């Protein structure tokens, strides 16, 4: 049975049903926030997976959405260039010095001279006496075709190689090229590729003569050991040291010399010496000191240091020194004195025992100073006229 309130109740019910229907339609078109967040994380994960970057675990729903996503591509790897390690050469040499006759040295026509190179072994192999220095081109100047090494030279060591030449009979500039040769006959030399030559380079001009003979003037010198003066000539066997002239000395190479020499015996003590200071001599450009040094025959324990010193204005300096032992060989000396040109110096022949003195019979064979040019003319005596009685 309807009352007065029935229409009102019915209207309210109908409106409620309509509102519920509208709400249901609205809710079906509004996106689920959790579903949207999960979709973004899924898209990000797919992007990272495509880029090859490991993916982090799916974040817990409810975390704030990141404002930006940084995608890092893997770096492109560039392989390093392969660098070959430097290969050590078995045979390689380094030029150290011209011991005698630097480039452009003056020599007299037809004169013999000894060029000495100082060369270092910078290879990986030792040089033996089967190695040699050989002529490879240019002016040979009567030199040998090859010269064997005097001893073994290990890597890092150096050797001095002397070669005897004879100057041409013509004035001019002359140069000869030389390389080393190993035991297998392979040539090598100096430089970055170990294929460059060393050379001898001289200027030939005029004749030469002996300007001073030390043997002829040996008693003009003042001879001493370290503390006291010595007589000249000395006495063989004098423990203080002594000097004697030898007209035809026989050296350790068992050859009898055709020129005279000086036997210099150091004081009989540890590192004993004997030295002779000669009168002042005026040096000219092109002058050379020449001699041959070695031990006397049968002095088999001889071990000495030869030295050429000079005194100028009260100061003594060493020009060069040579170490000699008894091994059956002698050593030629050819020393350019041009650096002293214009000076009046006193030359000193110096010999020292290398350690204890044990029959250190040291010989200077024909020490002399040679000079370019012709010897000065000897004045001819003028005859004195006698009047007739």
Protein backbone atom coordinates (compact mmCIF):
# COMPACT_ATOMS: atom_id res chain seq x y z
CA UNK A 1 0.00 0.00 0.00
CA UNK A 2 1.44 3.28 -0.99
CA UNK A 3 1.69 6.09 1.41
CA UNK A 4 2.54 9.70 0.85
CA UNK A 5 6.23 8.99 1.28
CA UNK A 6 6.38 6.19 -1.31
CA UNK A 7 7.05 8.43 -4.37
CA UNK A 8 9.88 10.18 -2.56
CA UNK A 9 11.52 6.89 -1.56
CA UNK A 10 11.23 5.58 -5.12
CA UNK A 11 12.83 8.72 -6.56
CA UNK A 12 15.75 8.46 -4.17
CA UNK A 13 16.32 4.80 -5.09
CA UNK A 14 16.28 5.52 -8.81
CA UNK A 15 18.82 8.39 -8.43
CA UNK A 16 21.08 6.17 -6.36
CA UNK A 17 21.09 3.49 -9.05
CA UNK A 18 21.91 6.07 -11.76
CA UNK A 19 24.83 7.53 -9.73
CA UNK A 20 26.29 4.10 -9.11
CA UNK A 21 26.14 3.35 -12.81
CA UNK A 22 27.98 6.60 -13.65
CA UNK A 23 30.68 5.92 -11.08
CA UNK A 24 31.23 2.44 -12.48
CA UNK A 25 31.74 3.86 -16.01
CA UNK A 26 34.14 6.54 -14.73
CA UNK A 27 36.19 4.02 -12.78
CA UNK A 28 36.60 1.77 -15.81
CA UNK A 29 38.33 4.61 -17.82
CA UNK A 30 40.76 5.82 -15.03
CA UNK A 31 44.23 4.07 -15.27
CA UNK A 32 45.53 2.05 -12.31
CA UNK A 33 48.58 3.93 -10.91
CA UNK A 34 50.40 0.69 -10.01
CA UNK A 35 49.81 -0.73 -13.48
CA UNK A 36 51.24 2.46 -15.06
CA UNK A 37 54.38 2.33 -12.86
CA UNK A 38 54.99 -1.32 -13.65
CA UNK A 39 54.70 -0.53 -17.34
CA UNK A 40 57.36 2.19 -17.15
CA UNK A 41 59.79 -0.09 -15.34
CA UNK A 42 59.18 -2.81 -17.91
CA UNK A 43 59.92 -0.38 -20.78
CA UNK A 44 63.12 0.81 -19.06
CA UNK A 45 64.26 -2.75 -18.51
CA UNK A 46 63.71 -3.54 -22.18
CA UNK A 47 65.76 -0.48 -23.20
CA UNK A 48 68.68 -1.48 -20.95
CA UNK A 49 68.54 -5.05 -22.15
CA UNK A 50 68.75 -3.85 -25.74
CA UNK A 51 71.81 -1.75 -24.82
CA UNK A 52 73.55 -4.75 -23.29
CA UNK A 53 73.64 -3.35 -19.72
CA UNK A 54 72.71 -5.75 -16.89
CA UNK A 55 69.25 -5.10 -15.61
CA UNK A 56 68.48 -4.32 -11.93
CA UNK A 57 65.70 -6.21 -10.19
CA UNK A 58 62.15 -4.80 -10.68
CA UNK A 59 61.64 -2.02 -8.10
CA UNK A 60 59.11 -2.46 -5.40
CA UNK A 61 55.75 -0.87 -6.32
CA UNK A 62 55.22 2.40 -4.53
CA UNK A 63 58.72 3.84 -5.10
CA UNK A 64 58.76 7.31 -6.71
CA UNK A 65 59.13 7.33 -10.49
CA UNK A 66 62.61 8.51 -11.61
CA UNK A 67 62.62 11.79 -13.49
CA UNK A 68 65.25 10.61 -16.08
CA UNK A 69 66.86 7.35 -17.17
CA UNK A 70 70.60 7.36 -18.22
CA UNK A 71 71.38 4.70 -20.78
CA UNK A 72 75.17 4.11 -21.13
CA UNK A 73 76.38 2.38 -24.26
CA UNK A 74 79.42 0.10 -23.81
CA UNK A 75 82.68 1.82 -24.90
CA UNK A 76 84.21 0.87 -28.21
CA UNK A 77 87.49 -1.00 -27.53
CA UNK A 78 90.44 0.03 -29.76
CA UNK A 79 93.17 -2.61 -29.79
CA UNK A 80 96.71 -1.39 -28.93
CA UNK A 81 99.18 -1.22 -31.81
CA UNK A 82 101.67 -4.04 -31.69
CA UNK A 83 105.18 -2.65 -31.08
CA UNK A 84 108.08 -4.93 -31.87
CA UNK A 85 110.69 -5.08 -29.11
CA UNK A 86 114.12 -3.83 -30.26
CA UNK A 87 116.38 -6.65 -31.30
CA UNK A 88 119.97 -6.56 -30.09
CA UNK A 89 122.51 -6.86 -32.87
CA UNK A 90 125.16 -9.49 -32.45
CA UNK A 91 127.87 -7.28 -33.97
CA UNK A 92 127.72 -3.48 -33.63
CA UNK A 93 130.40 -0.89 -32.94
CA UNK A 94 130.66 2.68 -31.67
CA UNK A 95 133.44 5.07 -32.62
CA UNK A 96 134.90 6.67 -29.48
CA UNK A 97 137.99 8.62 -30.54
CA UNK A 98 140.87 9.15 -32.91
CA UNK A 99 143.74 8.34 -30.56
CA UNK A 100 146.18 9.53 -33.22
CA UNK A 101 145.79 11.56 -36.42
CA UNK A 102 142.39 13.21 -36.13
CA UNK A 103 140.79 14.29 -39.41
CA UNK A 104 142.91 16.71 -41.41
CA UNK A 105 146.22 15.91 -39.69
CA UNK A 106 149.35 16.95 -41.55
CA UNK A 107 151.80 14.25 -42.63
CA UNK A 108 154.89 14.43 -44.76
CA UNK A 109 155.19 12.86 -48.19
CA UNK A 110 156.31 9.22 -48.10
CA UNK A 111 156.35 9.22 -44.29
CA UNK A 112 155.05 6.28 -42.28
CA UNK A 113 152.41 7.01 -39.66
CA UNK A 114 150.26 4.96 -37.31
CA UNK A 115 146.55 5.70 -37.12
CA UNK A 116 144.84 4.41 -33.95
CA UNK A 117 141.06 4.16 -33.57
CA UNK A 118 139.32 3.64 -30.23
CA UNK A 119 136.19 1.54 -30.90
CA UNK A 120 133.60 0.17 -28.46
CA UNK A 121 131.66 -3.10 -28.72
CA UNK A 122 127.96 -2.21 -28.35
CA UNK A 123 126.62 -5.48 -29.76
CA UNK A 124 125.49 -8.62 -27.98
CA UNK A 125 128.42 -10.80 -29.08
CA UNK A 126 132.03 -10.78 -27.96
CA UNK A 127 134.73 -9.95 -30.49
CA UNK A 128 137.58 -12.43 -30.63
CA UNK A 129 140.99 -12.43 -32.26
CA UNK A 130 139.23 -13.92 -35.31
CA UNK A 131 137.68 -10.47 -35.86
CA UNK A 132 139.59 -7.86 -37.84
CA UNK A 133 139.53 -4.32 -39.17
CA UNK A 134 139.49 -4.34 -42.99
CA UNK A 135 140.00 -1.77 -45.73
CA UNK A 136 136.79 -1.22 -47.73
CA UNK A 137 137.47 1.78 -49.97
CA UNK A 138 139.08 5.14 -50.62
CA UNK A 139 142.84 5.69 -50.28
CA UNK A 140 144.67 2.68 -48.86
CA UNK A 141 147.97 4.58 -48.50
CA UNK A 142 150.07 1.40 -48.50
CA UNK A 143 148.11 0.10 -45.51
CA UNK A 144 147.32 -3.60 -45.06
CA UNK A 145 144.11 -5.13 -46.36
CA UNK A 146 143.14 -6.17 -42.82
CA UNK A 147 144.42 -6.04 -39.25
CA UNK A 148 143.42 -8.66 -36.67
CA UNK A 149 142.23 -7.61 -33.23
CA UNK A 150 144.88 -7.96 -30.54
CA UNK A 151 142.52 -9.50 -27.97
CA UNK A 152 138.93 -10.31 -27.06
CA UNK A 153 136.47 -7.44 -26.61
CA UNK A 154 133.31 -8.19 -24.64
CA UNK A 155 130.10 -6.16 -24.99
CA UNK A 156 130.58 -2.78 -23.31
CA UNK A 157 134.39 -2.85 -23.66
CA UNK A 158 136.53 -0.93 -26.15
CA UNK A 159 139.73 -1.60 -28.02
CA UNK A 160 142.37 0.58 -29.66
CA UNK A 161 143.27 -0.64 -33.15
CA UNK A 162 146.54 0.63 -34.72
CA UNK A 163 147.14 0.54 -38.48
CA UNK A 164 150.41 1.61 -40.13
CA UNK A 165 150.19 3.71 -43.30
CA UNK A 166 152.64 5.35 -45.66
CA UNK A 167 151.74 8.75 -47.06
CA UNK A 168 151.71 9.15 -50.84
CA UNK A 169 154.45 11.06 -52.63
CA UNK A 170 151.99 13.76 -53.66
CA UNK A 171 150.57 16.68 -51.73
CA UNK A 172 146.80 16.66 -51.14
CA UNK A 173 144.01 15.26 -49.01
CA UNK A 174 143.62 11.50 -48.65
CA UNK A 175 140.96 9.40 -46.93
CA UNK A 176 140.55 5.62 -46.51
CA UNK A 177 137.48 3.75 -45.18
CA UNK A 178 137.56 0.76 -42.83
CA UNK A 179 135.01 -1.63 -41.30
CA UNK A 180 135.10 -4.51 -38.86
CA UNK A 181 134.70 -8.12 -39.98
CA UNK A 182 133.51 -10.98 -37.80
CA UNK A 183 134.73 -14.57 -37.72
CA UNK A 184 132.20 -15.55 -40.42
CA UNK A 185 133.48 -12.90 -42.81
CA UNK A 186 130.51 -10.54 -42.37
CA UNK A 187 131.30 -6.83 -42.38
CA UNK A 188 129.81 -4.47 -39.81
CA UNK A 189 130.55 -1.01 -38.48
CA UNK A 190 129.28 1.97 -36.56
CA UNK A 191 126.04 3.97 -36.69
CA UNK A 192 122.37 3.18 -36.08
CA UNK A 193 122.42 0.30 -38.57
CA UNK A 194 125.95 -0.81 -37.69
CA UNK A 195 126.98 -0.42 -41.33
CA UNK A 196 129.02 2.80 -41.45
CA UNK A 197 132.80 2.98 -41.80
CA UNK A 198 135.50 4.60 -39.72
CA UNK A 199 138.18 6.40 -41.70
CA UNK A 200 141.67 7.84 -41.75
CA UNK A 201 141.83 11.38 -43.14
CA UNK A 202 145.15 13.18 -43.60
CA UNK A 203 146.65 16.09 -45.50
CA UNK A 204 149.97 15.32 -47.14
CA UNK A 205 152.36 18.21 -47.48
CA UNK A 206 156.10 18.25 -48.12
CA UNK A 207 158.85 16.24 -46.48
CA UNK A 208 159.72 15.74 -42.82
CA UNK A 209 162.83 15.32 -40.75
CA UNK A 210 163.80 14.55 -37.14
CA UNK A 211 163.84 17.78 -35.19
CA UNK A 212 164.84 16.25 -31.83
CA UNK A 213 166.34 12.88 -30.82
CA UNK A 214 165.77 11.97 -27.19
CA UNK A 215 168.33 9.14 -27.17
CA UNK A 216 171.13 11.42 -28.41
CA UNK A 217 170.24 13.98 -25.72
CA UNK A 218 169.24 11.61 -22.91
CA UNK A 219 171.89 12.76 -20.46
CA UNK A 220 170.84 16.37 -21.04
CA UNK A 221 167.69 15.38 -19.15
CA UNK A 222 167.21 15.46 -15.39
CA UNK A 223 166.44 11.89 -14.23
CA UNK A 224 164.69 11.14 -10.91
CA UNK A 225 162.60 8.64 -9.00
CA UNK A 226 159.88 9.96 -6.68
CA UNK A 227 162.30 11.53 -4.18
CA UNK A 228 165.86 11.73 -5.46
CA UNK A 229 167.95 12.54 -8.50
CA UNK A 230 169.52 9.70 -10.48
CA UNK A 231 172.84 9.61 -12.34
CA UNK A 232 173.01 9.49 -16.13
CA UNK A 233 173.93 7.05 -17.40
CA UNK A 234 172.74 4.85 -14.59
CA UNK A 235 173.95 1.50 -13.40
CA UNK A 236 172.08 -1.65 -14.29
CA UNK A 237 170.55 -3.23 -11.18
CA UNK A 238 170.38 0.04 -9.20
CA UNK A 239 167.36 -0.38 -6.90
CA UNK A 240 166.76 3.36 -7.01
CA UNK A 241 165.96 3.08 -10.73
CA UNK A 242 168.16 3.82 -13.72
CA UNK A 243 168.34 4.78 -17.42
CA UNK A 244 170.72 3.34 -20.02
CA UNK A 245 171.23 3.78 -23.75
CA UNK A 246 170.82 0.64 -25.89
CA UNK A 247 172.33 0.78 -29.39
CA UNK A 248 170.47 -2.27 -30.74
CA UNK A 249 167.77 -3.20 -28.20
CA UNK A 250 165.90 -6.49 -28.39
CA UNK A 251 162.28 -6.14 -27.29
CA UNK A 252 159.70 -8.71 -26.25
CA UNK A 253 158.82 -9.45 -29.90
CA UNK A 254 162.33 -11.00 -30.15
CA UNK A 255 163.38 -8.62 -32.94
CA UNK A 256 166.65 -6.71 -32.84
CA UNK A 257 166.01 -3.04 -33.51
CA UNK A 258 168.04 -1.10 -36.05
CA UNK A 259 167.61 2.16 -34.13
CA UNK A 260 168.79 2.99 -30.58
CA UNK A 261 166.57 3.10 -27.51
CA UNK A 262 166.45 3.95 -23.82
CA UNK A 263 166.16 1.27 -21.14
CA UNK A 264 164.21 2.87 -18.28
CA UNK A 265 163.91 0.86 -15.06
CA UNK A 266 161.59 2.21 -12.30
CA UNK A 267 162.61 2.32 -8.65
CA UNK A 268 162.38 -1.14 -7.10
CA UNK A 269 159.29 -0.57 -4.94
CA UNK A 270 155.51 -0.61 -5.19
CA UNK A 271 154.49 1.69 -8.08
CA UNK A 272 158.05 2.95 -8.31
CA UNK A 273 158.88 5.41 -11.09
CA UNK A 274 161.70 6.78 -13.19
CA UNK A 275 161.36 10.02 -15.15
CA UNK A 276 163.58 12.21 -17.31
CA UNK A 277 162.81 15.90 -17.90
CA UNK A 278 164.44 17.21 -21.08
CA UNK A 279 165.49 20.79 -21.91
CA UNK A 280 162.90 23.20 -23.32
CA UNK A 281 161.83 22.60 -26.91
CA UNK A 282 159.84 25.00 -29.14
CA UNK A 283 156.95 23.10 -30.76
CA UNK A 284 155.75 23.94 -34.27
CA UNK A 285 152.49 23.10 -36.04
CA UNK A 286 152.70 19.60 -37.53
CA UNK A 287 155.31 18.31 -35.05
CA UNK A 288 154.85 14.68 -33.93
CA UNK A 289 156.28 12.64 -31.09
CA UNK A 290 157.12 9.17 -32.34
CA UNK A 291 158.49 6.07 -30.66
CA UNK A 292 157.88 2.38 -30.08
CA UNK A 293 157.40 1.09 -26.53
CA UNK A 294 157.60 -2.38 -25.07
CA UNK A 295 159.33 -4.60 -22.56
CA UNK A 296 162.90 -5.82 -22.96
CA UNK A 297 163.41 -9.40 -24.06
CA UNK A 298 163.17 -11.99 -21.22
CA UNK A 299 161.52 -9.50 -18.82
CA UNK A 300 158.50 -11.79 -18.73
CA UNK A 301 156.93 -10.25 -15.62
CA UNK A 302 157.22 -6.71 -16.96
CA UNK A 303 154.07 -4.65 -16.28
CA UNK A 304 154.53 -0.90 -16.71
CA UNK A 305 152.87 2.40 -17.64
CA UNK A 306 154.66 4.54 -20.24
CA UNK A 307 153.74 8.22 -20.19
CA UNK A 308 154.64 11.38 -22.10
CA UNK A 309 154.33 14.50 -19.93
CA UNK A 310 155.36 18.08 -20.48
CA UNK A 311 156.01 21.11 -18.28
CA UNK A 312 154.93 24.61 -19.32
CA UNK A 313 155.19 27.65 -17.07
CA UNK A 314 155.77 25.49 -14.01
CA UNK A 315 152.70 23.25 -14.60
CA UNK A 316 153.11 19.58 -15.56
CA UNK A 317 150.49 17.82 -17.70
CA UNK A 318 150.16 14.39 -19.30
CA UNK A 319 149.80 14.13 -23.07
CA UNK A 320 149.19 10.38 -23.28
CA UNK A 321 149.92 7.11 -21.46
CA UNK A 322 150.31 3.49 -22.59
CA UNK A 323 150.02 0.31 -20.51
CA UNK A 324 152.41 -2.43 -21.55
CA UNK A 325 152.85 -6.01 -20.35
CA UNK A 326 155.07 -8.78 -21.64
CA UNK A 327 152.92 -10.47 -24.29
CA UNK A 328 155.28 -10.64 -27.28
CA UNK A 329 154.09 -7.39 -28.91
CA UNK A 330 155.30 -3.80 -29.02
CA UNK A 331 153.27 -0.61 -29.34
CA UNK A 332 153.99 2.16 -31.88
CA UNK A 333 153.39 5.75 -30.78
CA UNK A 334 152.63 8.62 -33.13
CA UNK A 335 151.33 11.63 -31.22
CA UNK A 336 150.41 14.95 -32.86
CA UNK A 337 151.91 17.87 -30.91
CA UNK A 338 150.17 20.63 -32.87
CA UNK A 339 148.12 21.64 -29.81
CA UNK A 340 151.39 22.84 -28.25
CA UNK A 341 152.49 24.83 -31.33
CA UNK A 342 154.17 28.11 -30.41
CA UNK A 343 155.04 26.97 -26.88
CA UNK A 344 158.43 26.18 -25.41
CA UNK A 345 157.88 23.08 -23.28
CA UNK A 346 159.97 20.54 -21.40
CA UNK A 347 159.06 16.98 -22.38
CA UNK A 348 159.22 14.21 -19.76
CA UNK A 349 159.67 10.50 -20.47
CA UNK A 350 157.94 8.79 -17.54
CA UNK A 351 157.73 5.07 -16.65
CA UNK A 352 155.90 3.60 -13.64
CA UNK A 353 155.75 0.07 -12.30
CA UNK A 354 152.13 -1.07 -12.41
CA UNK A 355 152.07 -2.45 -8.88
CA UNK A 356 155.16 -4.22 -7.55
CA UNK A 357 158.36 -3.94 -9.56
CA UNK A 358 159.40 -7.33 -10.90
CA UNK A 359 162.06 -6.82 -13.59
CA UNK A 360 160.11 -3.98 -15.22
CA UNK A 361 162.67 -3.35 -17.97
CA UNK A 362 160.82 -0.79 -20.13
CA UNK A 363 162.26 0.36 -23.46
CA UNK A 364 161.59 3.57 -25.41
CA UNK A 365 162.71 2.66 -28.94
CA UNK A 366 163.93 5.67 -30.97
CA UNK A 367 161.87 8.40 -29.24
CA UNK A 368 161.96 11.54 -31.41
CA UNK A 369 160.09 14.60 -32.64
CA UNK A 370 159.51 14.83 -36.38
CA UNK A 371 158.77 18.07 -38.23
CA UNK A 372 157.35 18.90 -41.65
CA UNK A 373 159.68 20.46 -44.17
CA UNK A 374 163.35 20.13 -44.97
CA UNK A 375 166.01 20.09 -42.25
CA UNK A 376 167.79 23.38 -41.76
CA UNK A 377 171.00 23.64 -43.71
CA UNK A 378 174.18 23.03 -41.76
CA UNK A 379 176.40 26.10 -41.96
CA UNK A 380 179.43 25.50 -44.11
CA UNK A 381 182.66 26.67 -42.49
CA UNK A 382 184.24 29.57 -44.36
CA UNK A 383 187.91 28.92 -45.10
CA UNK A 384 190.28 31.49 -43.68
CA UNK A 385 192.76 32.86 -46.20
CA UNK A 386 196.35 32.94 -45.14
CA UNK A 387 198.64 35.59 -46.54
CA UNK A 388 201.93 34.48 -47.92
CA UNK A 389 204.93 35.31 -45.81
